[in-house]
Amino acid sequence: MNPKKIVSRLLLAFVAVALLIATADVTGLKQKLAGISPDSAVTLTTKQATSDDTDHTDDARYAAIFYHAKHRCETCVKIEEYAHTALLPAIEKGELAWEISEYTAPENREVVRSMDVMTSTVVLIERENGKIVRFKNLEDVWLHTNHPDRFAAYITDSWKSFRESL
C-alpha cells in the first residue's frame, strides 16, 4: 500500500476518534460511562457556578464570573485579563466579586446551559441568599479582544447598565 494512503487513513482515523471523544464530552456520555449522572440536580448557586480557588463570598450581591475551558487559548487569557482589569475599581470597592470557573466542568453543566455559556466569556450575576436571580452573558467580549480600550468600555458599560437595571 502507498505510504501516502496509509498516512491519510491514519489521520482520518485520528480525526474520527477525536470527534467521537469531543462529542461524548459535550453530550455528557463521558460522564454517564464513568458512572456520573450529568443530569444530577444542580441549582444556580455560587459554589456550583465558580471554582473554589477564586476570591469571592457567597453573600456578595454582584459578581463577574469568567468562564473558561480546561485549556485556554491566547484570546481567552486576554479576555480574563482585560475583564479583570476593567472591573478592578468595582472589585476593589467591594461592589463586585471576581470569580473564575471552568464551563466544561460536569458540575457546571446546568449553570452554563441556563446562562448560554458556550465558550470563554464573562457573565455578570446578581444573587440573593446565595442563589443567582439575574445574569447577563457578555459574549460580545470576543468582538473587542484586539482593542483593549473598546473591550474595557464594553465591560464597564455592561457592568454599569447591569447594576442600574432592576
N, C-alpha and C. Protein backbone atom coordinates (compact mmCIF):
# COMPACT_ATOMS: atom_id res chain seq x y z
N MET A 1 0.85 -1.18 0.00
CA MET A 1 0.00 0.00 0.00
C MET A 1 0.89 1.25 0.00
N ASN A 2 0.44 2.26 -0.65
CA ASN A 2 1.15 3.52 -0.79
C ASN A 2 1.28 4.22 0.57
N PRO A 3 2.48 4.72 0.94
CA PRO A 3 2.67 5.40 2.23
C PRO A 3 1.75 6.61 2.42
N LYS A 4 1.45 7.34 1.35
CA LYS A 4 0.54 8.49 1.45
C LYS A 4 -0.86 8.04 1.88
N LYS A 5 -1.32 6.93 1.33
CA LYS A 5 -2.64 6.41 1.67
C LYS A 5 -2.68 5.96 3.13
N ILE A 6 -1.59 5.37 3.59
CA ILE A 6 -1.53 4.91 4.99
C ILE A 6 -1.61 6.11 5.93
N VAL A 7 -0.81 7.12 5.64
CA VAL A 7 -0.81 8.33 6.48
C VAL A 7 -2.18 9.01 6.43
N SER A 8 -2.76 9.10 5.26
CA SER A 8 -4.09 9.73 5.11
C SER A 8 -5.13 8.98 5.93
N ARG A 9 -5.11 7.67 5.86
CA ARG A 9 -6.10 6.87 6.62
C ARG A 9 -5.87 6.99 8.13
N LEU A 10 -4.61 7.03 8.54
CA LEU A 10 -4.32 7.21 9.96
C LEU A 10 -4.81 8.57 10.45
N LEU A 11 -4.58 9.59 9.66
CA LEU A 11 -5.05 10.93 10.03
C LEU A 11 -6.58 11.00 10.10
N LEU A 12 -7.25 10.38 9.14
CA LEU A 12 -8.71 10.35 9.16
C LEU A 12 -9.22 9.59 10.38
N ALA A 13 -8.57 8.50 10.72
CA ALA A 13 -8.96 7.73 11.90
C ALA A 13 -8.76 8.57 13.16
N PHE A 14 -7.65 9.28 13.24
CA PHE A 14 -7.38 10.14 14.38
C PHE A 14 -8.46 11.21 14.53
N VAL A 15 -8.82 11.86 13.43
CA VAL A 15 -9.85 12.90 13.45
C VAL A 15 -11.19 12.30 13.88
N ALA A 16 -11.52 11.13 13.37
CA ALA A 16 -12.79 10.48 13.74
C ALA A 16 -12.84 10.17 15.23
N VAL A 17 -11.75 9.65 15.78
CA VAL A 17 -11.70 9.33 17.21
C VAL A 17 -11.79 10.62 18.03
N ALA A 18 -11.08 11.67 17.61
CA ALA A 18 -11.12 12.94 18.32
C ALA A 18 -12.53 13.52 18.34
N LEU A 19 -13.24 13.43 17.22
CA LEU A 19 -14.62 13.91 17.15
C LEU A 19 -15.54 13.10 18.05
N LEU A 20 -15.35 11.81 18.09
CA LEU A 20 -16.16 10.96 18.98
C LEU A 20 -15.93 11.32 20.44
N ILE A 21 -14.69 11.52 20.81
CA ILE A 21 -14.37 11.89 22.20
C ILE A 21 -14.96 13.25 22.54
N ALA A 22 -14.82 14.21 21.64
CA ALA A 22 -15.37 15.55 21.88
C ALA A 22 -16.90 15.49 22.01
N THR A 23 -17.54 14.72 21.15
CA THR A 23 -19.00 14.58 21.21
C THR A 23 -19.43 13.93 22.52
N ALA A 24 -18.70 12.91 22.94
CA ALA A 24 -19.02 12.25 24.21
C ALA A 24 -18.86 13.21 25.38
N ASP A 25 -17.87 14.06 25.31
CA ASP A 25 -17.64 15.02 26.39
C ASP A 25 -18.75 16.06 26.44
N VAL A 26 -19.12 16.61 25.29
CA VAL A 26 -20.13 17.66 25.23
C VAL A 26 -21.52 17.13 25.57
N THR A 27 -21.85 15.93 25.14
CA THR A 27 -23.19 15.39 25.37
C THR A 27 -23.37 14.77 26.75
N GLY A 28 -22.28 14.60 27.48
CA GLY A 28 -22.40 14.00 28.81
C GLY A 28 -22.22 12.50 28.80
N LEU A 29 -22.03 11.90 27.63
CA LEU A 29 -21.85 10.45 27.54
C LEU A 29 -20.62 10.01 28.32
N LYS A 30 -19.60 10.82 28.30
CA LYS A 30 -18.37 10.51 29.03
C LYS A 30 -18.66 10.35 30.53
N GLN A 31 -19.48 11.26 31.08
CA GLN A 31 -19.83 11.19 32.49
C GLN A 31 -20.71 9.97 32.77
N LYS A 32 -21.64 9.67 31.87
CA LYS A 32 -22.51 8.50 32.04
C LYS A 32 -21.69 7.22 32.09
N LEU A 33 -20.72 7.12 31.18
CA LEU A 33 -19.88 5.93 31.15
C LEU A 33 -19.02 5.81 32.40
N ALA A 34 -18.70 6.96 33.00
CA ALA A 34 -17.89 6.97 34.23
C ALA A 34 -18.76 6.79 35.47
N GLY A 35 -20.09 6.70 35.26
CA GLY A 35 -20.99 6.49 36.39
C GLY A 35 -21.42 7.77 37.08
N ILE A 36 -21.19 8.91 36.44
CA ILE A 36 -21.60 10.20 37.00
C ILE A 36 -22.84 10.64 36.25
N SER A 37 -23.86 11.00 36.95
CA SER A 37 -25.09 11.45 36.31
C SER A 37 -24.92 12.89 35.84
N PRO A 38 -24.93 13.14 34.52
CA PRO A 38 -24.77 14.51 34.04
C PRO A 38 -25.99 15.37 34.33
N ASP A 39 -27.12 14.74 34.62
CA ASP A 39 -28.33 15.49 34.89
C ASP A 39 -28.67 15.54 36.37
N SER A 40 -27.65 15.34 37.21
CA SER A 40 -27.90 15.40 38.64
C SER A 40 -28.36 16.80 39.00
N ALA A 41 -29.13 16.90 40.05
CA ALA A 41 -29.72 18.18 40.44
C ALA A 41 -28.64 19.21 40.72
N VAL A 42 -28.65 20.28 39.95
CA VAL A 42 -27.71 21.38 40.14
C VAL A 42 -28.54 22.65 40.20
N THR A 43 -28.43 23.37 41.30
CA THR A 43 -29.14 24.64 41.40
C THR A 43 -28.16 25.75 41.10
N LEU A 44 -28.68 26.90 40.77
CA LEU A 44 -27.84 28.03 40.43
C LEU A 44 -27.31 28.68 41.70
N THR A 45 -26.30 28.08 42.28
CA THR A 45 -25.68 28.67 43.44
C THR A 45 -24.27 29.07 43.09
N THR A 46 -23.73 30.00 43.84
CA THR A 46 -22.39 30.50 43.57
C THR A 46 -21.36 29.40 43.67
N LYS A 47 -21.47 28.53 44.65
CA LYS A 47 -20.47 27.47 44.82
C LYS A 47 -20.41 26.57 43.60
N GLN A 48 -21.54 26.33 42.95
CA GLN A 48 -21.53 25.48 41.78
C GLN A 48 -21.17 26.24 40.53
N ALA A 49 -21.35 27.54 40.52
CA ALA A 49 -21.06 28.33 39.33
C ALA A 49 -19.61 28.72 39.24
N THR A 50 -18.87 28.60 40.35
CA THR A 50 -17.48 29.03 40.36
C THR A 50 -16.59 28.00 41.01
N SER A 51 -15.32 28.11 40.74
CA SER A 51 -14.36 27.19 41.35
C SER A 51 -14.01 27.65 42.76
N ASP A 52 -13.38 26.78 43.54
CA ASP A 52 -13.06 27.10 44.92
C ASP A 52 -11.86 28.01 45.07
N ASP A 53 -11.07 28.21 44.01
CA ASP A 53 -9.85 29.00 44.16
C ASP A 53 -10.03 30.48 43.82
N THR A 54 -11.26 30.93 43.67
CA THR A 54 -11.49 32.33 43.35
C THR A 54 -11.73 33.13 44.61
N ASP A 55 -11.56 34.42 44.49
CA ASP A 55 -11.73 35.31 45.63
C ASP A 55 -13.14 35.86 45.61
N HIS A 56 -14.03 35.21 46.35
CA HIS A 56 -15.41 35.66 46.41
C HIS A 56 -16.06 35.17 47.70
N THR A 57 -17.19 35.77 47.99
CA THR A 57 -18.00 35.29 49.09
C THR A 57 -19.38 35.00 48.55
N ASP A 58 -20.03 33.98 49.11
CA ASP A 58 -21.35 33.60 48.62
C ASP A 58 -22.41 34.66 48.87
N ASP A 59 -22.13 35.61 49.77
CA ASP A 59 -23.14 36.61 50.05
C ASP A 59 -22.94 37.91 49.27
N ALA A 60 -21.94 37.96 48.39
CA ALA A 60 -21.77 39.14 47.55
C ALA A 60 -22.98 39.25 46.62
N ARG A 61 -23.54 40.43 46.54
CA ARG A 61 -24.75 40.61 45.73
C ARG A 61 -24.45 40.48 44.24
N TYR A 62 -23.35 41.08 43.82
CA TYR A 62 -22.99 41.06 42.40
C TYR A 62 -21.65 40.36 42.21
N ALA A 63 -21.52 39.67 41.08
CA ALA A 63 -20.24 39.05 40.74
C ALA A 63 -20.08 39.04 39.23
N ALA A 64 -18.83 39.03 38.82
CA ALA A 64 -18.48 38.81 37.42
C ALA A 64 -17.77 37.47 37.39
N ILE A 65 -18.29 36.54 36.62
CA ILE A 65 -17.69 35.22 36.52
C ILE A 65 -17.03 35.09 35.16
N PHE A 66 -15.73 34.80 35.17
CA PHE A 66 -15.03 34.50 33.92
C PHE A 66 -15.12 33.00 33.72
N TYR A 67 -15.83 32.57 32.69
CA TYR A 67 -15.94 31.16 32.36
C TYR A 67 -14.91 30.82 31.29
N HIS A 68 -14.22 29.70 31.49
CA HIS A 68 -13.19 29.27 30.55
C HIS A 68 -13.25 27.76 30.38
N ALA A 69 -12.59 27.28 29.35
CA ALA A 69 -12.46 25.84 29.13
C ALA A 69 -11.23 25.35 29.89
N LYS A 70 -11.06 24.05 29.89
CA LYS A 70 -9.91 23.47 30.59
C LYS A 70 -8.61 24.01 30.02
N HIS A 71 -8.54 24.11 28.71
CA HIS A 71 -7.35 24.64 28.04
C HIS A 71 -7.69 26.02 27.48
N ARG A 72 -6.86 27.01 27.78
CA ARG A 72 -7.13 28.38 27.37
C ARG A 72 -6.21 28.82 26.25
N CYS A 73 -6.80 29.40 25.22
CA CYS A 73 -6.02 29.96 24.13
C CYS A 73 -5.55 31.36 24.53
N GLU A 74 -4.76 31.96 23.69
CA GLU A 74 -4.23 33.30 23.95
C GLU A 74 -5.36 34.33 24.09
N THR A 75 -6.39 34.20 23.27
CA THR A 75 -7.51 35.14 23.32
C THR A 75 -8.30 34.97 24.63
N CYS A 76 -8.47 33.75 25.09
CA CYS A 76 -9.18 33.51 26.36
C CYS A 76 -8.42 34.14 27.52
N VAL A 77 -7.11 34.05 27.48
CA VAL A 77 -6.29 34.67 28.53
C VAL A 77 -6.47 36.18 28.48
N LYS A 78 -6.53 36.75 27.27
CA LYS A 78 -6.77 38.20 27.12
C LYS A 78 -8.12 38.59 27.72
N ILE A 79 -9.15 37.79 27.43
CA ILE A 79 -10.49 38.10 27.93
C ILE A 79 -10.47 38.17 29.46
N GLU A 80 -9.85 37.19 30.09
CA GLU A 80 -9.77 37.19 31.55
C GLU A 80 -9.01 38.42 32.05
N GLU A 81 -7.86 38.67 31.47
CA GLU A 81 -7.01 39.78 31.91
C GLU A 81 -7.70 41.14 31.70
N TYR A 82 -8.23 41.36 30.50
CA TYR A 82 -8.86 42.64 30.19
C TYR A 82 -10.11 42.87 31.06
N ALA A 83 -10.92 41.83 31.24
CA ALA A 83 -12.15 41.97 32.02
C ALA A 83 -11.81 42.27 33.48
N HIS A 84 -10.87 41.53 34.03
CA HIS A 84 -10.49 41.76 35.43
C HIS A 84 -9.96 43.17 35.62
N THR A 85 -9.12 43.61 34.70
CA THR A 85 -8.56 44.97 34.79
C THR A 85 -9.66 46.02 34.69
N ALA A 86 -10.60 45.83 33.77
CA ALA A 86 -11.68 46.81 33.60
C ALA A 86 -12.58 46.87 34.83
N LEU A 87 -12.78 45.75 35.49
CA LEU A 87 -13.68 45.70 36.64
C LEU A 87 -12.97 45.91 37.98
N LEU A 88 -11.65 46.05 37.95
CA LEU A 88 -10.87 46.17 39.18
C LEU A 88 -11.34 47.29 40.11
N PRO A 89 -11.68 48.47 39.62
CA PRO A 89 -12.18 49.51 40.54
C PRO A 89 -13.42 49.05 41.33
N ALA A 90 -14.36 48.41 40.66
CA ALA A 90 -15.57 47.92 41.34
C ALA A 90 -15.23 46.78 42.29
N ILE A 91 -14.28 45.94 41.91
CA ILE A 91 -13.86 44.82 42.76
C ILE A 91 -13.20 45.37 44.03
N GLU A 92 -12.31 46.34 43.85
CA GLU A 92 -11.60 46.92 45.00
C GLU A 92 -12.53 47.68 45.94
N LYS A 93 -13.61 48.26 45.40
CA LYS A 93 -14.59 48.96 46.24
C LYS A 93 -15.52 47.98 46.96
N GLY A 94 -15.46 46.72 46.58
CA GLY A 94 -16.34 45.72 47.19
C GLY A 94 -17.73 45.68 46.57
N GLU A 95 -17.92 46.33 45.44
CA GLU A 95 -19.22 46.34 44.76
C GLU A 95 -19.45 45.05 43.97
N LEU A 96 -18.37 44.39 43.61
CA LEU A 96 -18.43 43.27 42.69
C LEU A 96 -17.38 42.24 43.07
N ALA A 97 -17.75 40.98 43.06
CA ALA A 97 -16.79 39.90 43.30
C ALA A 97 -16.31 39.39 41.94
N TRP A 98 -15.06 38.97 41.88
CA TRP A 98 -14.48 38.40 40.66
C TRP A 98 -14.35 36.90 40.88
N GLU A 99 -14.91 36.12 39.97
CA GLU A 99 -14.92 34.67 40.12
C GLU A 99 -14.50 34.03 38.81
N ILE A 100 -13.91 32.86 38.92
CA ILE A 100 -13.42 32.13 37.75
C ILE A 100 -13.96 30.71 37.81
N SER A 101 -14.44 30.21 36.68
CA SER A 101 -15.00 28.86 36.65
C SER A 101 -14.78 28.22 35.29
N GLU A 102 -14.66 26.91 35.31
CA GLU A 102 -14.49 26.15 34.07
C GLU A 102 -15.87 25.74 33.55
N TYR A 103 -16.24 26.26 32.38
CA TYR A 103 -17.58 25.97 31.86
C TYR A 103 -17.73 24.54 31.37
N THR A 104 -16.62 23.84 31.17
CA THR A 104 -16.70 22.46 30.70
C THR A 104 -16.76 21.45 31.85
N ALA A 105 -16.65 21.92 33.09
CA ALA A 105 -16.70 21.01 34.24
C ALA A 105 -18.10 20.42 34.39
N PRO A 106 -18.20 19.11 34.63
CA PRO A 106 -19.52 18.47 34.75
C PRO A 106 -20.43 19.12 35.79
N GLU A 107 -19.87 19.58 36.89
CA GLU A 107 -20.70 20.17 37.94
C GLU A 107 -21.28 21.53 37.54
N ASN A 108 -20.78 22.12 36.46
CA ASN A 108 -21.29 23.41 35.99
C ASN A 108 -22.25 23.28 34.81
N ARG A 109 -22.57 22.06 34.44
CA ARG A 109 -23.34 21.81 33.24
C ARG A 109 -24.67 22.58 33.18
N GLU A 110 -25.47 22.46 34.21
CA GLU A 110 -26.78 23.13 34.22
C GLU A 110 -26.65 24.64 34.31
N VAL A 111 -25.68 25.10 35.08
CA VAL A 111 -25.48 26.54 35.24
C VAL A 111 -25.10 27.17 33.91
N VAL A 112 -24.12 26.61 33.23
CA VAL A 112 -23.68 27.21 31.97
C VAL A 112 -24.74 27.06 30.89
N ARG A 113 -25.50 25.98 30.94
CA ARG A 113 -26.58 25.82 29.97
C ARG A 113 -27.63 26.91 30.17
N SER A 114 -27.98 27.18 31.43
CA SER A 114 -29.01 28.19 31.70
C SER A 114 -28.54 29.60 31.34
N MET A 115 -27.22 29.83 31.35
CA MET A 115 -26.67 31.15 31.03
C MET A 115 -26.18 31.24 29.58
N ASP A 116 -26.42 30.20 28.80
CA ASP A 116 -25.99 30.15 27.40
C ASP A 116 -24.48 30.35 27.25
N VAL A 117 -23.70 29.77 28.13
CA VAL A 117 -22.25 29.83 28.04
C VAL A 117 -21.78 28.70 27.14
N MET A 118 -21.18 29.06 26.00
CA MET A 118 -20.71 28.06 25.05
C MET A 118 -19.23 28.16 24.77
N THR A 119 -18.62 29.23 25.26
CA THR A 119 -17.21 29.46 25.07
C THR A 119 -16.74 30.38 26.19
N SER A 120 -15.47 30.70 26.21
CA SER A 120 -14.98 31.61 27.25
C SER A 120 -15.74 32.93 27.17
N THR A 121 -16.16 33.40 28.33
CA THR A 121 -16.97 34.61 28.39
C THR A 121 -16.95 35.17 29.81
N VAL A 122 -17.53 36.33 29.96
CA VAL A 122 -17.74 36.93 31.27
C VAL A 122 -19.25 37.02 31.47
N VAL A 123 -19.70 36.58 32.64
CA VAL A 123 -21.13 36.64 32.98
C VAL A 123 -21.28 37.48 34.25
N LEU A 124 -22.11 38.50 34.18
CA LEU A 124 -22.44 39.30 35.36
C LEU A 124 -23.64 38.65 36.03
N ILE A 125 -23.58 38.49 37.35
CA ILE A 125 -24.69 37.87 38.06
C ILE A 125 -25.11 38.73 39.24
N GLU A 126 -26.39 38.60 39.58
CA GLU A 126 -26.90 39.15 40.82
C GLU A 126 -27.46 37.96 41.58
N ARG A 127 -27.20 37.94 42.89
CA ARG A 127 -27.69 36.83 43.68
C ARG A 127 -28.36 37.32 44.96
N GLU A 128 -29.25 36.49 45.43
CA GLU A 128 -29.91 36.70 46.71
C GLU A 128 -29.86 35.38 47.46
N ASN A 129 -29.41 35.42 48.70
CA ASN A 129 -29.30 34.23 49.54
C ASN A 129 -28.50 33.11 48.86
N GLY A 130 -27.44 33.49 48.15
CA GLY A 130 -26.57 32.51 47.51
C GLY A 130 -27.09 31.94 46.21
N LYS A 131 -28.27 32.37 45.77
CA LYS A 131 -28.83 31.89 44.51
C LYS A 131 -28.79 32.98 43.45
N ILE A 132 -28.44 32.59 42.25
CA ILE A 132 -28.38 33.54 41.14
C ILE A 132 -29.80 33.86 40.71
N VAL A 133 -30.15 35.15 40.75
CA VAL A 133 -31.50 35.56 40.39
C VAL A 133 -31.55 36.30 39.06
N ARG A 134 -30.38 36.76 38.61
CA ARG A 134 -30.33 37.50 37.35
C ARG A 134 -28.91 37.42 36.81
N PHE A 135 -28.78 37.39 35.49
CA PHE A 135 -27.45 37.34 34.90
C PHE A 135 -27.46 38.00 33.52
N LYS A 136 -26.26 38.35 33.07
CA LYS A 136 -26.07 38.86 31.71
C LYS A 136 -24.76 38.28 31.18
N ASN A 137 -24.86 37.53 30.11
CA ASN A 137 -23.70 36.93 29.46
C ASN A 137 -23.10 37.97 28.51
N LEU A 138 -21.87 38.35 28.76
CA LEU A 138 -21.20 39.37 27.93
C LEU A 138 -20.42 38.69 26.80
N GLU A 139 -21.14 37.92 26.00
CA GLU A 139 -20.49 37.12 24.96
C GLU A 139 -19.83 37.96 23.86
N ASP A 140 -20.15 39.23 23.79
CA ASP A 140 -19.51 40.09 22.79
C ASP A 140 -18.08 40.46 23.15
N VAL A 141 -17.55 39.93 24.25
CA VAL A 141 -16.15 40.19 24.59
C VAL A 141 -15.24 39.78 23.43
N TRP A 142 -15.65 38.77 22.69
CA TRP A 142 -14.84 38.27 21.57
C TRP A 142 -14.67 39.31 20.47
N LEU A 143 -15.60 40.23 20.37
CA LEU A 143 -15.54 41.26 19.32
C LEU A 143 -14.54 42.36 19.63
N HIS A 144 -14.07 42.42 20.88
CA HIS A 144 -13.23 43.53 21.30
C HIS A 144 -11.84 43.12 21.77
N THR A 145 -11.45 41.88 21.57
CA THR A 145 -10.18 41.41 22.13
C THR A 145 -8.95 42.06 21.48
N ASN A 146 -9.10 42.60 20.29
CA ASN A 146 -7.97 43.26 19.64
C ASN A 146 -7.93 44.76 19.92
N HIS A 147 -8.87 45.23 20.74
CA HIS A 147 -8.96 46.65 21.06
C HIS A 147 -9.18 46.80 22.56
N PRO A 148 -8.12 46.82 23.34
CA PRO A 148 -8.26 46.87 24.81
C PRO A 148 -9.14 48.01 25.33
N ASP A 149 -9.08 49.17 24.70
CA ASP A 149 -9.90 50.30 25.15
C ASP A 149 -11.38 50.04 24.92
N ARG A 150 -11.72 49.49 23.75
CA ARG A 150 -13.12 49.16 23.45
C ARG A 150 -13.60 48.03 24.35
N PHE A 151 -12.71 47.07 24.60
CA PHE A 151 -13.04 45.97 25.49
C PHE A 151 -13.39 46.51 26.88
N ALA A 152 -12.54 47.35 27.42
CA ALA A 152 -12.76 47.92 28.75
C ALA A 152 -14.07 48.71 28.79
N ALA A 153 -14.33 49.49 27.75
CA ALA A 153 -15.57 50.27 27.70
C ALA A 153 -16.79 49.33 27.66
N TYR A 154 -16.71 48.28 26.86
CA TYR A 154 -17.82 47.31 26.78
C TYR A 154 -18.09 46.68 28.15
N ILE A 155 -17.05 46.26 28.83
CA ILE A 155 -17.19 45.61 30.13
C ILE A 155 -17.74 46.59 31.17
N THR A 156 -17.14 47.77 31.27
CA THR A 156 -17.58 48.73 32.30
C THR A 156 -18.98 49.25 32.01
N ASP A 157 -19.30 49.50 30.75
CA ASP A 157 -20.66 49.94 30.40
C ASP A 157 -21.68 48.85 30.72
N SER A 158 -21.33 47.61 30.43
CA SER A 158 -22.22 46.48 30.72
C SER A 158 -22.44 46.34 32.22
N TRP A 159 -21.36 46.48 33.00
CA TRP A 159 -21.47 46.39 34.46
C TRP A 159 -22.36 47.51 34.99
N LYS A 160 -22.14 48.73 34.53
CA LYS A 160 -22.94 49.88 34.98
C LYS A 160 -24.42 49.66 34.64
N SER A 161 -24.69 49.25 33.43
CA SER A 161 -26.06 49.00 32.99
C SER A 161 -26.70 47.88 33.79
N PHE A 162 -25.97 46.81 34.02
CA PHE A 162 -26.48 45.67 34.79
C PHE A 162 -26.81 46.09 36.22
N ARG A 163 -25.91 46.80 36.83
CA ARG A 163 -26.09 47.22 38.23
C ARG A 163 -27.28 48.17 38.38
N GLU A 164 -27.46 49.04 37.40
CA GLU A 164 -28.52 50.05 37.50
C GLU A 164 -29.90 49.54 37.07
N SER A 165 -29.93 48.46 36.32
CA SER A 165 -31.23 47.93 35.87
C SER A 165 -31.78 46.96 36.92
N LEU A 166 -32.99 47.13 37.26
CA LEU A 166 -33.64 46.24 38.24
C LEU A 166 -34.82 45.68 37.63
